[in-house]
Amino acid sequence: MPARMTAVVVLLGLAATAWPQEVIDSVDVGGWNVDGLTFNSRAGVVYGRCYYGHSVFALDCSTNELVAQIPLIYPIDLAYSSTSNKAYCSYSYHDEDSVLVIDGSTHTRIKALSLYGAYLLKWDSVLNRLYVNCYTGGSDDCVAVIDCGADSIIATIPIPGEPVHLTINNRRRKLYCQNDYDMTVSVIDMNTNQIIRNVYTGSWYFAQCYSEVADKYYCDGAQGVAVIDGATDSVIKQIRLPQGYGPTAMVSVDPESLVMVATSSGGSDSVFVLDVASDSVVTSLRVGRSPRALAYSPRTNLVYCACGSTSDRLDVIEGNGSRVRSQVAVSDGPQDLLACSAFDKLYVGHGGMTNFVYVVRDRVGISEPELPGLSCAALLAPTLLRGRAFRYEGPGPASLVDACGRKAHDIAAGNNDLSTLSPGVYVLVAGQGTAPRKVVKME
């Protein structure tokens, strides 16, 4: 048990109410934040970038407060290494294209690595390396490999035709690099940093994802969606979509063996649900105008679709692809989504004129009625954790229950010694029922 524990206490509700997906906060981050939202799992913060605000920001996931702003000219993309507890941000300013290294504890600059054309980033947790596509528009196009321990460039991999999206296949230790100019995907051996094959897909880049359960890579193709087999590195199918429906985003829903594909076509905007076993369209769902991003939440088994243009909303889709269950208004061009399951939240970045990041509740279920004998005043009173002591101000007995539903500690009125508890998330259960009233996170 650490010498000092900190707690985050969240009130869940007092009466029998549903837990809809809805906006619970909005944070002014000082500039447009088109994409690049990244989660720092150690500090519990979300990083993002303001391209025209010339800064990188950090939001505390517990309080949704802005805790840091790092000045940076034209930041582009972000990634985080939980192994080294560092964040990385590519940026472009004249001939000073670089990757900034940020301390994950203090959210301050460590150093900058000069890397011409640095664009999108992808972190590999196995080797603790950062892959950076360098989009120069010429013969210098490459993917650079950075050792996140030493923060040094250890390899550059020449790439044909303007590299863009990067996706990792951990089952095969391969990196897929989608190339704009020549309509190919470069398949890279992550152990040797050598290109295995350049696979022609027949379409410009827009969207891609990897399905681990099927060991297949999906991207935009000649007829809609191209499917590349993870073992043979060849296109095994072109999944036909209606003419004019171009993929704008894809996401894998591995628990359901599905891939969802957002498309935009002159007002007939849809999400197509693909079965990864047969590589066929199961169904299609109409969504709001100009879908731009998809995010899957394993916490709730929901897929969020960011719809821009005149819609300015999120469409919330069941993970099995059966229906659109609700819409959430999020204003002014939502374009980037990040699900933080540890905090039951979804963060929404915007590509319009707004400077806000929206925070959406990512939870499903029904809370139970208020317990008899437990007053609202007691529930709303501050719950304090100082050192190893937890102060409970309710009039009746309670207990702390762990994430598996097992009683971990009996709680009495007044101070309670929690020195025997391991760090983790616990639910305070009060009265004779089992309705949770507060969640306590101890680190």
Protein backbone atom coordinates (compact mmCIF):
# COMPACT_ATOMS: atom_id res chain seq x y z
CA MET A 1 0.00 0.00 0.00
CA PRO A 2 1.48 3.39 -0.90
CA ALA A 3 2.20 5.83 1.90
CA ARG A 4 -0.26 8.29 0.46
CA MET A 5 -3.56 7.66 -1.34
CA THR A 6 -5.60 10.13 -3.31
CA ALA A 7 -9.29 9.83 -4.06
CA VAL A 8 -11.64 10.99 -6.74
CA VAL A 9 -15.28 10.97 -5.60
CA VAL A 10 -18.12 11.14 -8.12
CA LEU A 11 -21.78 11.45 -7.11
CA LEU A 12 -23.84 9.03 -9.20
CA GLY A 13 -27.38 10.21 -8.52
CA LEU A 14 -30.15 10.20 -5.93
CA ALA A 15 -33.31 9.00 -7.63
CA ALA A 16 -34.32 6.31 -10.09
CA THR A 17 -33.12 7.76 -13.37
CA ALA A 18 -31.64 6.48 -16.60
CA TRP A 19 -28.00 7.09 -17.42
CA PRO A 20 -28.23 8.50 -20.92
CA GLN A 21 -25.30 9.48 -23.07
CA GLU A 22 -25.34 13.25 -22.69
CA VAL A 23 -23.01 16.22 -22.45
CA ILE A 24 -21.93 16.68 -18.85
CA ASP A 25 -19.28 19.35 -19.38
CA SER A 26 -17.55 21.54 -21.93
CA VAL A 27 -14.03 22.91 -21.56
CA ASP A 28 -12.57 25.96 -23.29
CA VAL A 29 -9.12 24.82 -24.43
CA GLY A 30 -8.21 28.04 -26.19
CA GLY A 31 -8.45 27.08 -29.85
CA TRP A 32 -9.82 24.73 -32.48
CA ASN A 33 -9.02 21.10 -31.69
CA VAL A 34 -9.60 19.13 -34.86
CA ASP A 35 -8.14 15.77 -33.80
CA GLY A 36 -5.31 14.13 -31.87
CA LEU A 37 -7.03 13.53 -28.50
CA THR A 38 -4.88 11.08 -26.51
CA PHE A 39 -5.27 9.53 -23.04
CA ASN A 40 -2.49 9.58 -20.43
CA SER A 41 -3.39 6.50 -18.39
CA ARG A 42 -0.92 7.22 -15.60
CA ALA A 43 -1.99 10.75 -14.78
CA GLY A 44 -5.62 10.38 -15.84
CA VAL A 45 -5.52 13.28 -18.28
CA VAL A 46 -6.48 13.78 -21.92
CA TYR A 47 -4.06 15.59 -24.21
CA GLY A 48 -5.21 17.49 -27.26
CA ARG A 49 -3.93 20.09 -29.65
CA CYS A 50 -5.14 23.49 -30.78
CA TYR A 51 -3.81 23.95 -34.30
CA TYR A 52 -4.77 27.61 -34.60
CA GLY A 53 -4.46 28.20 -30.87
CA HIS A 54 -0.80 27.08 -31.11
CA SER A 55 -0.80 24.92 -28.01
CA VAL A 56 -1.08 21.42 -26.54
CA PHE A 57 -3.51 21.12 -23.64
CA ALA A 58 -4.10 18.63 -20.83
CA LEU A 59 -7.53 17.99 -19.25
CA ASP A 60 -7.93 16.28 -15.89
CA CYS A 61 -10.40 13.43 -16.43
CA SER A 62 -11.64 13.56 -12.83
CA THR A 63 -12.54 17.23 -12.77
CA ASN A 64 -12.65 18.05 -16.52
CA GLU A 65 -10.44 21.04 -15.74
CA LEU A 66 -7.71 22.42 -17.96
CA VAL A 67 -4.50 21.64 -16.05
CA ALA A 68 -1.83 22.56 -18.61
CA GLN A 69 -1.27 24.47 -21.85
CA ILE A 70 2.02 24.06 -23.69
CA PRO A 71 2.72 26.70 -26.36
CA LEU A 72 3.51 25.03 -29.69
CA ILE A 73 3.29 26.39 -33.23
CA TYR A 74 0.89 24.36 -35.44
CA PRO A 75 0.66 21.08 -33.49
CA ILE A 76 -0.55 18.18 -35.66
CA ASP A 77 -0.96 14.86 -33.82
CA LEU A 78 -0.41 13.30 -30.39
CA ALA A 79 0.54 9.91 -28.95
CA TYR A 80 1.31 8.70 -25.44
CA SER A 81 3.77 6.09 -24.14
CA SER A 82 2.56 4.58 -20.86
CA THR A 83 5.88 2.70 -20.60
CA SER A 84 7.94 5.90 -20.49
CA ASN A 85 5.11 8.17 -19.26
CA LYS A 86 5.73 10.63 -22.06
CA ALA A 87 3.50 12.28 -24.63
CA TYR A 88 4.63 13.10 -28.16
CA CYS A 89 3.29 15.81 -30.45
CA SER A 90 4.25 16.40 -34.07
CA TYR A 91 4.26 20.00 -35.25
CA SER A 92 5.05 21.92 -38.40
CA TYR A 93 6.39 25.44 -38.67
CA HIS A 94 8.34 26.34 -41.81
CA ASP A 95 11.52 24.23 -41.72
CA GLU A 96 11.23 23.36 -38.04
CA ASP A 97 9.09 20.21 -38.41
CA SER A 98 9.65 18.21 -35.26
CA VAL A 99 8.25 15.91 -32.59
CA LEU A 100 7.93 17.44 -29.15
CA VAL A 101 8.49 15.16 -26.13
CA ILE A 102 6.32 16.00 -23.09
CA ASP A 103 6.70 14.79 -19.50
CA GLY A 104 3.57 12.81 -18.59
CA SER A 105 3.66 13.86 -14.93
CA THR A 106 4.37 17.57 -15.15
CA HIS A 107 2.99 18.13 -18.70
CA THR A 108 6.07 20.17 -19.59
CA ARG A 109 8.55 20.05 -22.47
CA ILE A 110 11.46 17.63 -22.34
CA LYS A 111 12.99 18.03 -25.80
CA ALA A 112 12.19 18.24 -29.52
CA LEU A 113 13.32 15.81 -32.20
CA SER A 114 13.93 17.36 -35.61
CA LEU A 115 11.99 15.33 -38.18
CA TYR A 116 11.09 16.91 -41.51
CA GLY A 117 7.47 16.32 -42.56
CA ALA A 118 6.44 14.78 -39.20
CA TYR A 119 2.71 14.15 -39.40
CA LEU A 120 0.70 11.33 -37.77
CA LEU A 121 1.97 9.22 -34.85
CA LYS A 122 1.45 5.65 -33.63
CA TRP A 123 2.90 4.21 -30.40
CA ASP A 124 3.88 0.53 -30.10
CA SER A 125 3.50 -0.79 -26.53
CA VAL A 126 5.53 -3.96 -27.18
CA LEU A 127 8.85 -2.34 -28.11
CA ASN A 128 8.04 1.11 -26.69
CA ARG A 129 8.62 2.76 -30.01
CA LEU A 130 6.92 5.64 -31.76
CA TYR A 131 6.23 5.48 -35.49
CA VAL A 132 5.96 8.80 -37.32
CA ASN A 133 4.88 9.17 -40.91
CA CYS A 134 6.86 11.92 -42.60
CA TYR A 135 4.81 13.41 -45.40
CA THR A 136 7.15 15.57 -47.51
CA GLY A 137 5.44 15.22 -50.88
CA GLY A 138 8.62 13.94 -52.47
CA SER A 139 11.29 11.27 -52.42
CA ASP A 140 11.93 11.82 -48.72
CA ASP A 141 8.57 10.34 -47.68
CA CYS A 142 9.20 7.82 -44.91
CA VAL A 143 8.11 6.35 -41.60
CA ALA A 144 10.53 7.29 -38.81
CA VAL A 145 11.02 5.03 -35.80
CA ILE A 146 11.71 6.62 -32.40
CA ASP A 147 12.99 4.79 -29.32
CA CYS A 148 10.77 6.21 -26.56
CA GLY A 149 13.24 5.26 -23.85
CA ALA A 150 16.12 7.28 -25.28
CA ASP A 151 13.93 9.61 -27.40
CA SER A 152 16.16 9.08 -30.39
CA ILE A 153 15.44 8.24 -34.04
CA ILE A 154 16.65 4.69 -34.68
CA ALA A 155 15.38 4.06 -38.22
CA THR A 156 13.69 5.60 -41.24
CA ILE A 157 11.66 3.46 -43.63
CA PRO A 158 11.26 4.86 -47.20
CA ILE A 159 7.59 4.91 -48.21
CA PRO A 160 6.11 5.34 -51.72
CA GLY A 161 3.45 7.92 -52.30
CA GLU A 162 2.78 10.17 -49.29
CA PRO A 163 2.21 8.13 -46.08
CA VAL A 164 -0.78 8.96 -43.92
CA HIS A 165 -2.63 6.64 -41.50
CA LEU A 166 -0.69 4.14 -39.38
CA THR A 167 -2.22 1.02 -37.79
CA ILE A 168 -0.59 -1.80 -35.79
CA ASN A 169 -1.28 -5.52 -36.17
CA ASN A 170 0.08 -6.88 -32.89
CA ARG A 171 -0.78 -10.47 -33.72
CA ARG A 172 1.67 -10.42 -36.63
CA ARG A 173 3.89 -7.52 -35.46
CA LYS A 174 3.15 -5.59 -38.60
CA LEU A 175 2.57 -1.90 -39.20
CA TYR A 176 0.16 -0.81 -41.93
CA CYS A 177 0.89 2.54 -43.57
CA GLN A 178 -1.84 3.90 -45.83
CA ASN A 179 -0.39 5.90 -48.71
CA ASP A 180 -2.23 8.73 -50.39
CA TYR A 181 -0.59 9.29 -53.74
CA ASP A 182 -0.24 5.77 -55.15
CA MET A 183 -3.30 4.14 -53.51
CA THR A 184 -1.28 1.51 -51.65
CA VAL A 185 -0.81 0.17 -48.14
CA SER A 186 2.77 -0.48 -47.06
CA VAL A 187 3.03 -3.53 -44.78
CA ILE A 188 6.05 -3.14 -42.48
CA ASP A 189 7.77 -5.78 -40.33
CA MET A 190 7.99 -4.08 -36.91
CA ASN A 191 10.89 -6.29 -35.79
CA THR A 192 13.15 -5.44 -38.72
CA ASN A 193 11.63 -2.08 -39.79
CA GLN A 194 11.54 -3.32 -43.38
CA ILE A 195 8.68 -3.16 -45.88
CA ILE A 196 7.24 -6.61 -46.55
CA ARG A 197 4.95 -5.55 -49.38
CA ASN A 198 3.17 -2.56 -50.91
CA VAL A 199 -0.44 -3.62 -51.48
CA TYR A 200 -2.52 -1.81 -54.10
CA THR A 201 -6.07 -1.05 -52.87
CA GLY A 202 -7.38 1.12 -55.70
CA SER A 203 -8.57 4.15 -53.77
CA TRP A 204 -7.37 7.32 -52.10
CA TYR A 205 -6.97 7.31 -48.35
CA PHE A 206 -9.78 8.27 -45.99
CA ALA A 207 -10.30 5.56 -43.39
CA GLN A 208 -8.88 2.32 -42.02
CA CYS A 209 -8.89 -0.07 -39.05
CA TYR A 210 -7.55 -3.49 -38.02
CA SER A 211 -9.77 -6.30 -36.72
CA GLU A 212 -7.79 -8.43 -34.29
CA VAL A 213 -10.48 -11.11 -34.05
CA ALA A 214 -10.37 -11.62 -37.84
CA ASP A 215 -6.71 -10.69 -38.38
CA LYS A 216 -7.70 -8.44 -41.26
CA TYR A 217 -6.95 -4.84 -42.18
CA TYR A 218 -9.80 -2.76 -43.63
CA CYS A 219 -9.37 0.44 -45.65
CA ASP A 220 -11.06 2.33 -48.45
CA GLY A 221 -10.90 0.38 -51.68
CA ALA A 222 -11.85 0.43 -55.35
CA GLN A 223 -15.48 -0.53 -54.69
CA GLY A 224 -15.90 0.68 -51.13
CA VAL A 225 -13.81 -1.25 -48.59
CA ALA A 226 -10.66 -3.26 -49.31
CA VAL A 227 -9.82 -6.20 -47.03
CA ILE A 228 -6.18 -7.19 -46.55
CA ASP A 229 -5.43 -10.58 -44.96
CA GLY A 230 -3.05 -10.28 -41.99
CA ALA A 231 -1.20 -13.47 -42.87
CA THR A 232 -0.76 -13.19 -46.65
CA ASP A 233 -0.64 -9.37 -46.99
CA SER A 234 -2.94 -9.50 -49.99
CA VAL A 235 -6.34 -8.03 -50.82
CA ILE A 236 -8.79 -10.89 -50.31
CA LYS A 237 -11.97 -8.94 -50.99
CA GLN A 238 -13.38 -5.63 -52.15
CA ILE A 239 -16.63 -5.04 -50.24
CA ARG A 240 -19.00 -3.15 -52.49
CA LEU A 241 -20.83 -0.14 -51.10
CA PRO A 242 -23.53 1.81 -53.00
CA GLN A 243 -22.05 4.03 -55.67
CA GLY A 244 -20.84 7.33 -54.30
CA TYR A 245 -20.61 6.16 -50.70
CA GLY A 246 -17.02 6.94 -49.70
CA PRO A 247 -15.65 5.76 -46.32
CA THR A 248 -14.79 8.58 -43.96
CA ALA A 249 -14.11 6.57 -40.81
CA MET A 250 -13.89 2.94 -39.67
CA VAL A 251 -13.83 1.22 -36.29
CA SER A 252 -13.46 -2.41 -35.25
CA VAL A 253 -15.93 -3.84 -32.72
CA ASP A 254 -14.05 -7.03 -31.92
CA PRO A 255 -16.44 -8.39 -29.25
CA GLU A 256 -19.18 -8.43 -31.89
CA SER A 257 -16.90 -9.53 -34.80
CA LEU A 258 -17.94 -6.41 -36.70
CA VAL A 259 -16.40 -3.42 -38.45
CA MET A 260 -18.42 -0.23 -38.80
CA VAL A 261 -17.81 2.10 -41.73
CA ALA A 262 -19.05 5.69 -41.77
CA THR A 263 -19.82 7.05 -45.22
CA SER A 264 -20.82 10.39 -46.66
CA SER A 265 -22.65 10.85 -49.94
CA GLY A 266 -24.68 13.96 -50.68
CA GLY A 267 -27.02 13.75 -47.72
CA SER A 268 -27.42 9.95 -47.73
CA ASP A 269 -25.02 9.56 -44.82
CA SER A 270 -24.80 6.10 -43.27
CA VAL A 271 -22.84 3.68 -41.14
CA PHE A 272 -22.42 0.28 -42.80
CA VAL A 273 -22.03 -2.69 -40.48
CA LEU A 274 -19.66 -5.38 -41.81
CA ASP A 275 -19.39 -8.97 -40.61
CA VAL A 276 -15.67 -9.81 -40.44
CA ALA A 277 -16.15 -13.55 -40.95
CA SER A 278 -17.89 -13.23 -44.31
CA ASP A 279 -16.71 -9.70 -45.13
CA SER A 280 -20.22 -8.73 -46.10
CA VAL A 281 -22.56 -5.87 -45.26
CA VAL A 282 -24.94 -6.92 -42.48
CA THR A 283 -26.95 -3.73 -42.36
CA SER A 284 -26.73 0.02 -42.78
CA LEU A 285 -27.85 2.75 -40.41
CA ARG A 286 -28.76 6.30 -41.36
CA VAL A 287 -26.85 8.87 -39.33
CA GLY A 288 -26.48 12.65 -39.27
CA ARG A 289 -24.86 14.75 -41.99
CA SER A 290 -21.16 14.36 -42.76
CA PRO A 291 -20.03 11.62 -40.35
CA ARG A 292 -16.34 12.26 -39.65
CA ALA A 293 -15.21 9.96 -36.84
CA LEU A 294 -16.15 6.74 -35.07
CA ALA A 295 -15.12 5.55 -31.61
CA TYR A 296 -15.89 2.29 -29.83
CA SER A 297 -16.37 2.18 -26.06
CA PRO A 298 -15.65 -1.28 -24.57
CA ARG A 299 -17.11 -0.02 -21.30
CA THR A 300 -20.62 0.29 -22.73
CA ASN A 301 -20.32 -1.64 -26.02
CA LEU A 302 -21.44 1.47 -27.87
CA VAL A 303 -20.10 3.11 -31.03
CA TYR A 304 -20.14 6.90 -31.24
CA CYS A 305 -20.38 8.60 -34.63
CA ALA A 306 -19.41 12.28 -34.90
CA CYS A 307 -21.66 14.02 -37.43
CA GLY A 308 -20.64 17.49 -38.57
CA SER A 309 -22.03 19.84 -41.20
CA THR A 310 -25.54 20.92 -40.15
CA SER A 311 -25.99 18.01 -37.74
CA ASP A 312 -23.40 18.88 -35.08
CA ARG A 313 -24.19 15.81 -33.02
CA LEU A 314 -23.11 12.34 -31.96
CA ASP A 315 -25.15 9.36 -33.07
CA VAL A 316 -24.93 6.60 -30.47
CA ILE A 317 -24.99 3.12 -32.05
CA GLU A 318 -25.47 -0.24 -30.35
CA GLY A 319 -22.27 -2.30 -30.48
CA ASN A 320 -24.10 -5.13 -32.27
CA GLY A 321 -25.06 -2.72 -35.06
CA SER A 322 -28.79 -3.18 -34.51
CA ARG A 323 -29.82 0.47 -34.21
CA VAL A 324 -28.99 4.08 -33.50
CA ARG A 325 -30.16 4.39 -29.92
CA SER A 326 -29.87 8.18 -29.41
CA GLN A 327 -28.34 11.46 -30.53
CA VAL A 328 -26.29 13.91 -28.48
CA ALA A 329 -25.93 17.55 -29.54
CA VAL A 330 -22.28 18.61 -29.32
CA SER A 331 -22.14 21.78 -31.49
CA ASP A 332 -19.98 23.10 -34.30
CA GLY A 333 -18.29 20.34 -36.28
CA PRO A 334 -17.43 17.38 -34.01
CA GLN A 335 -14.47 15.65 -35.59
CA ASP A 336 -12.43 13.70 -33.03
CA LEU A 337 -13.60 11.19 -30.41
CA LEU A 338 -11.78 9.56 -27.51
CA ALA A 339 -13.44 7.05 -25.16
CA CYS A 340 -11.95 6.94 -21.64
CA SER A 341 -13.48 3.84 -20.11
CA ALA A 342 -11.66 4.32 -16.80
CA PHE A 343 -13.71 7.48 -16.23
CA ASP A 344 -16.93 6.54 -18.07
CA LYS A 345 -16.44 9.51 -20.38
CA LEU A 346 -16.17 10.32 -24.06
CA TYR A 347 -14.21 13.40 -25.16
CA VAL A 348 -15.23 15.25 -28.33
CA GLY A 349 -12.88 17.51 -30.29
CA HIS A 350 -14.17 19.98 -32.85
CA GLY A 351 -13.15 21.11 -36.32
CA GLY A 352 -15.36 24.20 -36.41
CA MET A 353 -15.00 27.61 -34.82
CA THR A 354 -15.57 26.44 -31.26
CA ASN A 355 -12.71 26.30 -28.75
CA PHE A 356 -14.45 23.69 -26.61
CA VAL A 357 -13.89 20.02 -25.90
CA TYR A 358 -17.18 18.39 -24.93
CA VAL A 359 -17.37 15.69 -22.26
CA VAL A 360 -20.09 13.08 -22.75
CA ARG A 361 -21.25 10.55 -20.17
CA ASP A 362 -20.36 7.08 -21.43
CA ARG A 363 -22.58 4.86 -19.32
CA VAL A 364 -25.66 2.69 -19.66
CA GLY A 365 -28.07 1.29 -17.06
CA ILE A 366 -30.58 2.39 -14.47
CA SER A 367 -29.81 3.68 -11.01
CA GLU A 368 -31.96 2.37 -8.16
CA PRO A 369 -34.31 4.55 -6.08
CA GLU A 370 -32.95 6.59 -3.20
CA LEU A 371 -32.43 4.36 -0.18
CA PRO A 372 -34.71 4.94 2.83
CA GLY A 373 -32.99 6.33 5.89
CA LEU A 374 -30.17 7.94 3.92
CA SER A 375 -30.66 11.68 3.63
CA CYS A 376 -29.81 13.78 0.60
CA ALA A 377 -27.73 15.99 2.86
CA ALA A 378 -25.54 13.02 3.79
CA LEU A 379 -25.10 12.03 0.15
CA LEU A 380 -24.16 15.51 -0.94
CA ALA A 381 -21.75 16.13 1.95
CA PRO A 382 -18.05 15.99 1.03
CA THR A 383 -16.45 12.59 1.37
CA LEU A 384 -12.88 13.07 2.53
CA LEU A 385 -9.80 10.88 2.18
CA ARG A 386 -6.76 12.11 4.06
CA GLY A 387 -3.77 9.80 4.13
CA ARG A 388 -5.28 6.37 4.78
CA ALA A 389 -8.48 7.59 6.39
CA PHE A 390 -11.88 7.68 4.71
CA ARG A 391 -14.55 9.79 6.40
CA TYR A 392 -18.15 8.67 5.93
CA GLU A 393 -20.88 11.13 6.95
CA GLY A 394 -23.96 9.00 6.32
CA PRO A 395 -26.22 8.16 9.29
CA GLY A 396 -26.21 4.38 8.68
CA PRO A 397 -23.70 1.61 7.95
CA ALA A 398 -22.17 1.17 4.51
CA SER A 399 -19.51 -0.87 2.74
CA LEU A 400 -17.00 -0.56 -0.06
CA VAL A 401 -17.46 -3.07 -2.89
CA ASP A 402 -14.72 -3.86 -5.40
CA ALA A 403 -15.04 -3.95 -9.20
CA CYS A 404 -16.16 -7.62 -9.07
CA GLY A 405 -19.02 -6.86 -6.67
CA ARG A 406 -17.30 -8.35 -3.60
CA LYS A 407 -17.45 -6.57 -0.24
CA ALA A 408 -13.99 -5.17 0.42
CA HIS A 409 -14.48 -3.14 3.62
CA ASP A 410 -17.21 -2.31 6.12
CA ILE A 411 -17.77 1.41 6.59
CA ALA A 412 -19.05 3.05 9.77
CA ALA A 413 -19.97 6.65 10.45
CA GLY A 414 -16.91 8.83 11.03
CA ASN A 415 -13.31 7.99 10.17
CA ASN A 416 -12.44 4.62 8.65
CA ASP A 417 -8.97 3.11 8.29
CA LEU A 418 -8.38 1.86 4.73
CA SER A 419 -4.78 0.77 5.10
CA THR A 420 -5.65 -2.85 4.25
CA LEU A 421 -7.19 -1.96 0.86
CA SER A 422 -5.27 -2.24 -2.39
CA PRO A 423 -5.33 0.64 -4.90
CA GLY A 424 -8.32 0.45 -7.21
CA VAL A 425 -11.90 1.55 -7.81
CA TYR A 426 -14.52 0.89 -5.14
CA VAL A 427 -18.24 1.61 -4.92
CA LEU A 428 -19.73 2.92 -1.68
CA VAL A 429 -22.95 0.99 -0.98
CA ALA A 430 -25.15 2.41 1.76
CA GLY A 431 -28.26 1.33 3.64
CA GLN A 432 -30.03 -1.99 3.14
CA GLY A 433 -30.01 -1.94 -0.66
CA THR A 434 -27.26 -2.30 -3.23
CA ALA A 435 -27.59 1.03 -5.02
CA PRO A 436 -24.19 2.70 -5.47
CA ARG A 437 -23.96 6.23 -4.19
CA LYS A 438 -20.35 7.22 -4.66
CA VAL A 439 -17.34 5.86 -6.50
CA VAL A 440 -13.96 6.09 -4.81
CA LYS A 441 -10.77 5.68 -6.80
CA MET A 442 -7.63 5.04 -4.77
CA GLU A 443 -4.14 5.12 -6.26
